[in-house]
Amino acid sequence: AGAETVKRAVQLDVACRFQESLVCYQEGIDLLLQVVKATTDEAKKHRYRQKISEFTFLSDGKYHKQIRIEENATGFGYEKLFHEYLTEIVSEVWVEDPYIRQVHQASRYLLYNFLRFCEMLVKGPCKVKTIHLLTSYDEGSGRSQQMTALEEIKQSLSNYGVTLNIDFSSSIHDREIRFNNGWMIKIGRGLDYFKKPQGRFSIGYCDFDLRPCHETTVDVFHTKHTKKM
C-alpha cells in the first residue's frame, strides 16, 4: 500500500498537482516506515529503506530521483528518458551543455544528439515554442562547422514554430536540462551518453533505444523555484 501511494504521488507530481502529491508522499512514506518498524528481516528492511530513499520529497516542493545507466545498457533513448516529464504544459526548454559543437569528435556525435533531442520535443506531447541552448564555442576550424550546423537546426525548428535561442559561454561546466513545468534533469555525460554505432547500417544507428550507452547517472529534480539560465 505504501509503495502504491508513493507511485500515485509521482504521477501527481508529473501532472504538476503538487499539493495532492505532497499528501500522497507523506502518507506513502509513513506506511513504508511502519512496515520497516514491524519487519524483523534485515534484508527486507534494507529494501524498504531503499524504496523510501528513492523518493525524497521535501516540504519546500523539491523532489529528487536518481537513475543509473549501466555500461552497454540499452533502452535509454531520449523519449524513454524524458517522456514522463514532458507534459502538455511544457512550452519552454533550457539546455546547458558545453559540448554541443563538433558533428564528430572522437566517438561523439554531439550536434546530432542535440538534433535528436529537438526532434523529440517537436513530436510532443508537449507544445514547445522556445528552446534555449547554452554551450561553448568549438575551438579552431571546428567553430565554422558548429555555427553552420546550429544555424541549420535553428532554421529547421522555425519551420515547426519553435524558436532556438543560442548563447555561448567559455566558463560553462554544468550539464542540465530544464522544462518550464519545473522539472530539471542532470545527466553526468549530458546528451552524449550513447556509444558510437558499430557502423552506419548497424542496429541502433537510427533508433537510440537500441544504442548501447556509456555508464552514467541521471538526476531528476523538481522545484517550484528552478532558476532559469
Protein backbone atom coordinates (compact mmCIF):
# COMPACT_ATOMS: atom_id res chain seq x y z
CA ALA A 1 0.00 0.00 0.00
CA GLY A 2 2.86 2.38 0.83
CA ALA A 3 4.60 1.73 -2.49
CA GLU A 4 1.36 2.23 -4.43
CA THR A 5 0.68 5.50 -2.60
CA VAL A 6 4.17 6.78 -3.41
CA LYS A 7 3.70 5.71 -7.05
CA ARG A 8 0.50 7.76 -7.14
CA ALA A 9 2.41 10.71 -5.65
CA VAL A 10 4.93 10.58 -8.51
CA GLN A 11 2.10 10.56 -11.07
CA LEU A 12 0.58 13.62 -9.42
CA ASP A 13 4.00 15.28 -9.39
CA VAL A 14 4.39 14.76 -13.12
CA ALA A 15 0.94 16.27 -13.63
CA CYS A 16 2.06 19.29 -11.55
CA ARG A 17 -0.65 18.61 -8.92
CA PHE A 18 1.81 19.39 -6.15
CA GLN A 19 -0.48 19.75 -3.11
CA GLU A 20 -2.11 16.39 -3.79
CA SER A 21 1.26 14.76 -4.44
CA LEU A 22 2.67 16.06 -1.15
CA VAL A 23 -0.18 14.41 0.77
CA CYS A 24 0.40 11.13 -1.07
CA TYR A 25 4.16 11.27 -0.44
CA GLN A 26 3.62 11.80 3.27
CA GLU A 27 1.03 9.01 3.52
CA GLY A 28 3.11 6.59 1.44
CA ILE A 29 6.33 7.17 3.32
CA ASP A 30 4.52 6.86 6.67
CA LEU A 31 3.11 3.50 5.58
CA LEU A 32 6.54 2.29 4.44
CA LEU A 33 8.13 3.41 7.71
CA GLN A 34 5.51 1.43 9.64
CA VAL A 35 6.44 -1.65 7.61
CA VAL A 36 10.13 -1.09 8.34
CA LYS A 37 9.44 -0.93 12.07
CA ALA A 38 7.35 -4.10 12.00
CA THR A 39 9.80 -6.11 9.88
CA THR A 40 12.43 -8.26 11.57
CA ASP A 41 14.05 -9.43 8.32
CA GLU A 42 17.10 -7.18 7.85
CA ALA A 43 17.23 -7.76 4.09
CA LYS A 44 13.60 -6.65 3.73
CA LYS A 45 14.26 -3.64 5.95
CA HIS A 46 17.12 -2.63 3.69
CA ARG A 47 14.92 -2.91 0.57
CA TYR A 48 12.15 -0.87 2.17
CA ARG A 49 14.61 1.83 3.22
CA GLN A 50 15.93 1.94 -0.34
CA LYS A 51 12.38 2.35 -1.63
CA ILE A 52 11.81 5.25 0.74
CA SER A 53 15.08 6.94 -0.26
CA GLU A 54 14.21 6.70 -3.98
CA PHE A 55 11.51 9.33 -3.47
CA THR A 56 12.80 12.25 -1.48
CA PHE A 57 10.13 14.89 -1.33
CA LEU A 58 10.75 17.89 0.89
CA SER A 59 8.13 20.31 2.23
CA ASP A 60 9.54 23.21 0.19
CA GLY A 61 8.48 21.49 -3.04
CA LYS A 62 11.74 19.78 -4.01
CA TYR A 63 11.95 16.28 -5.44
CA HIS A 64 14.94 14.11 -6.34
CA LYS A 65 15.16 10.78 -8.13
CA GLN A 66 18.33 9.11 -9.44
CA ILE A 67 18.57 6.76 -12.41
CA ARG A 68 21.71 4.71 -13.01
CA ILE A 69 22.51 3.80 -16.63
CA GLU A 70 24.89 0.86 -16.71
CA GLU A 71 27.71 0.34 -19.23
CA ASN A 72 26.32 -1.05 -22.53
CA ALA A 73 22.71 -0.77 -21.30
CA THR A 74 20.05 -0.21 -23.97
CA GLY A 75 16.53 1.16 -23.82
CA PHE A 76 17.51 4.69 -22.78
CA GLY A 77 16.61 6.72 -25.85
CA TYR A 78 15.59 10.33 -25.24
CA GLU A 79 11.87 9.55 -25.48
CA LYS A 80 12.13 6.85 -22.81
CA LEU A 81 14.23 9.03 -20.51
CA PHE A 82 12.27 12.28 -20.76
CA HIS A 83 8.71 11.34 -21.72
CA GLU A 84 7.14 11.35 -18.23
CA TYR A 85 8.39 14.91 -17.59
CA LEU A 86 7.31 16.38 -20.92
CA THR A 87 3.72 17.16 -20.01
CA GLU A 88 1.43 19.11 -22.31
CA ILE A 89 2.12 22.38 -20.46
CA VAL A 90 5.82 22.35 -21.41
CA SER A 91 6.39 25.23 -23.81
CA GLU A 92 9.96 26.31 -22.96
CA VAL A 93 13.16 24.28 -22.55
CA TRP A 94 16.66 25.20 -21.37
CA VAL A 95 19.65 23.06 -22.39
CA GLU A 96 23.01 23.72 -20.77
CA ASP A 97 25.83 21.60 -22.19
CA PRO A 98 29.37 22.81 -23.01
CA TYR A 99 29.93 20.21 -25.75
CA ILE A 100 27.18 20.85 -28.32
CA ARG A 101 29.69 21.51 -31.02
CA GLN A 102 31.53 19.19 -33.44
CA VAL A 103 29.47 16.81 -35.53
CA HIS A 104 32.16 14.20 -34.99
CA GLN A 105 34.59 14.49 -32.08
CA ALA A 106 36.42 11.24 -31.34
CA SER A 107 33.47 8.80 -30.86
CA ARG A 108 30.89 11.51 -30.25
CA TYR A 109 28.04 12.84 -32.36
CA LEU A 110 27.21 15.84 -30.21
CA LEU A 111 25.34 18.10 -32.61
CA TYR A 112 23.37 15.15 -33.95
CA ASN A 113 22.43 14.22 -30.38
CA PHE A 114 21.10 17.74 -29.81
CA LEU A 115 19.18 17.50 -33.09
CA ARG A 116 17.62 14.20 -31.92
CA PHE A 117 16.65 15.86 -28.65
CA CYS A 118 14.98 18.71 -30.56
CA GLU A 119 13.12 16.21 -32.76
CA MET A 120 11.71 14.58 -29.62
CA LEU A 121 10.45 17.96 -28.38
CA VAL A 122 8.80 18.72 -31.72
CA LYS A 123 6.98 15.36 -31.71
CA GLY A 124 5.23 16.17 -28.42
CA PRO A 125 3.01 15.65 -26.49
CA CYS A 126 4.46 18.91 -25.16
CA LYS A 127 3.89 22.15 -27.07
CA VAL A 128 7.42 23.57 -27.08
CA LYS A 129 7.70 27.07 -28.52
CA THR A 130 11.18 28.09 -27.33
CA ILE A 131 14.44 26.20 -26.76
CA HIS A 132 17.36 27.95 -25.06
CA LEU A 133 20.80 26.44 -25.68
CA LEU A 134 23.84 27.47 -23.65
CA THR A 135 27.06 25.87 -24.86
CA SER A 136 30.68 26.73 -25.62
CA TYR A 137 32.38 27.69 -28.87
CA ASP A 138 34.26 25.00 -30.70
CA GLU A 139 37.98 25.63 -30.98
CA GLY A 140 39.87 26.34 -34.17
CA SER A 141 38.45 25.33 -37.54
CA GLY A 142 35.57 23.45 -35.93
CA ARG A 143 33.78 26.69 -34.98
CA SER A 144 32.58 27.36 -38.52
CA GLN A 145 31.11 23.85 -38.76
CA GLN A 146 29.49 24.27 -35.34
CA MET A 147 27.85 27.57 -36.25
CA THR A 148 26.63 26.26 -39.61
CA ALA A 149 25.06 23.19 -38.00
CA LEU A 150 23.38 25.16 -35.20
CA GLU A 151 22.02 27.70 -37.67
CA GLU A 152 20.59 24.87 -39.76
CA ILE A 153 18.91 23.35 -36.68
CA LYS A 154 17.57 26.79 -35.75
CA GLN A 155 16.10 27.34 -39.21
CA SER A 156 14.59 23.85 -39.31
CA LEU A 157 12.95 24.33 -35.90
CA SER A 158 11.44 27.61 -37.04
CA ASN A 159 9.56 25.66 -39.72
CA TYR A 160 7.76 23.94 -36.83
CA GLY A 161 7.05 27.17 -34.97
CA VAL A 162 9.89 26.65 -32.47
CA THR A 163 12.44 29.37 -31.68
CA LEU A 164 16.00 28.31 -30.84
CA ASN A 165 17.99 30.86 -28.82
CA ILE A 166 21.73 30.13 -28.73
CA ASP A 167 24.22 31.58 -26.25
CA PHE A 168 27.88 30.77 -25.66
CA SER A 169 29.98 30.73 -22.51
CA SER A 170 33.70 30.00 -22.07
CA SER A 171 33.21 29.07 -18.41
CA ILE A 172 30.25 26.69 -18.67
CA HIS A 173 30.77 23.30 -16.97
CA ASP A 174 27.36 22.04 -15.81
CA ARG A 175 25.17 19.83 -17.97
CA GLU A 176 21.47 20.09 -17.30
CA ILE A 177 18.09 20.36 -18.97
CA ARG A 178 15.14 22.33 -17.59
CA PHE A 179 11.48 22.39 -18.54
CA ASN A 180 9.15 25.24 -17.62
CA ASN A 181 6.86 22.85 -15.72
CA GLY A 182 9.59 22.73 -13.04
CA TRP A 183 11.42 19.52 -13.95
CA MET A 184 15.22 19.59 -14.17
CA ILE A 185 17.35 16.68 -15.41
CA LYS A 186 21.11 16.45 -14.88
CA ILE A 187 22.94 13.76 -16.85
CA GLY A 188 26.57 13.09 -15.99
CA ARG A 189 27.53 12.91 -19.67
CA GLY A 190 24.94 15.40 -20.90
CA LEU A 191 23.15 14.33 -24.08
CA ASP A 192 26.24 12.39 -25.11
CA TYR A 193 25.72 9.12 -23.21
CA PHE A 194 25.40 6.87 -26.26
CA LYS A 195 28.25 4.81 -27.64
CA LYS A 196 29.48 5.17 -31.20
CA PRO A 197 27.45 2.90 -33.52
CA GLN A 198 29.34 -0.04 -34.98
CA GLY A 199 28.50 1.12 -38.47
CA ARG A 200 26.16 3.34 -40.46
CA PHE A 201 23.95 0.32 -41.20
CA SER A 202 24.09 -1.33 -37.78
CA ILE A 203 21.13 -1.76 -35.42
CA GLY A 204 21.00 1.22 -33.09
CA TYR A 205 22.35 3.75 -35.58
CA CYS A 206 18.92 5.35 -36.09
CA ASP A 207 16.99 4.11 -33.05
CA PHE A 208 18.63 5.36 -29.84
CA ASP A 209 16.60 2.89 -27.76
CA LEU A 210 18.73 0.16 -29.35
CA ARG A 211 22.04 2.01 -28.98
CA PRO A 212 24.35 0.82 -26.15
CA CYS A 213 25.10 3.50 -23.56
CA HIS A 214 28.12 4.65 -21.61
CA GLU A 215 27.77 4.31 -17.86
CA THR A 216 26.31 7.49 -16.38
CA THR A 217 23.97 8.84 -13.73
CA VAL A 218 20.75 10.78 -14.32
CA ASP A 219 19.46 13.01 -11.51
CA VAL A 220 15.89 14.27 -11.77
CA PHE A 221 14.73 17.22 -9.67
CA HIS A 222 11.57 19.22 -9.32
CA THR A 223 11.25 22.53 -7.59
CA LYS A 224 8.86 25.45 -7.87
CA HIS A 225 11.92 27.68 -7.65
CA THR A 226 14.01 26.28 -10.50
CA LYS A 227 16.16 29.13 -11.80
CA LYS A 228 16.37 29.98 -15.45
CA MET A 229 19.67 30.38 -17.25
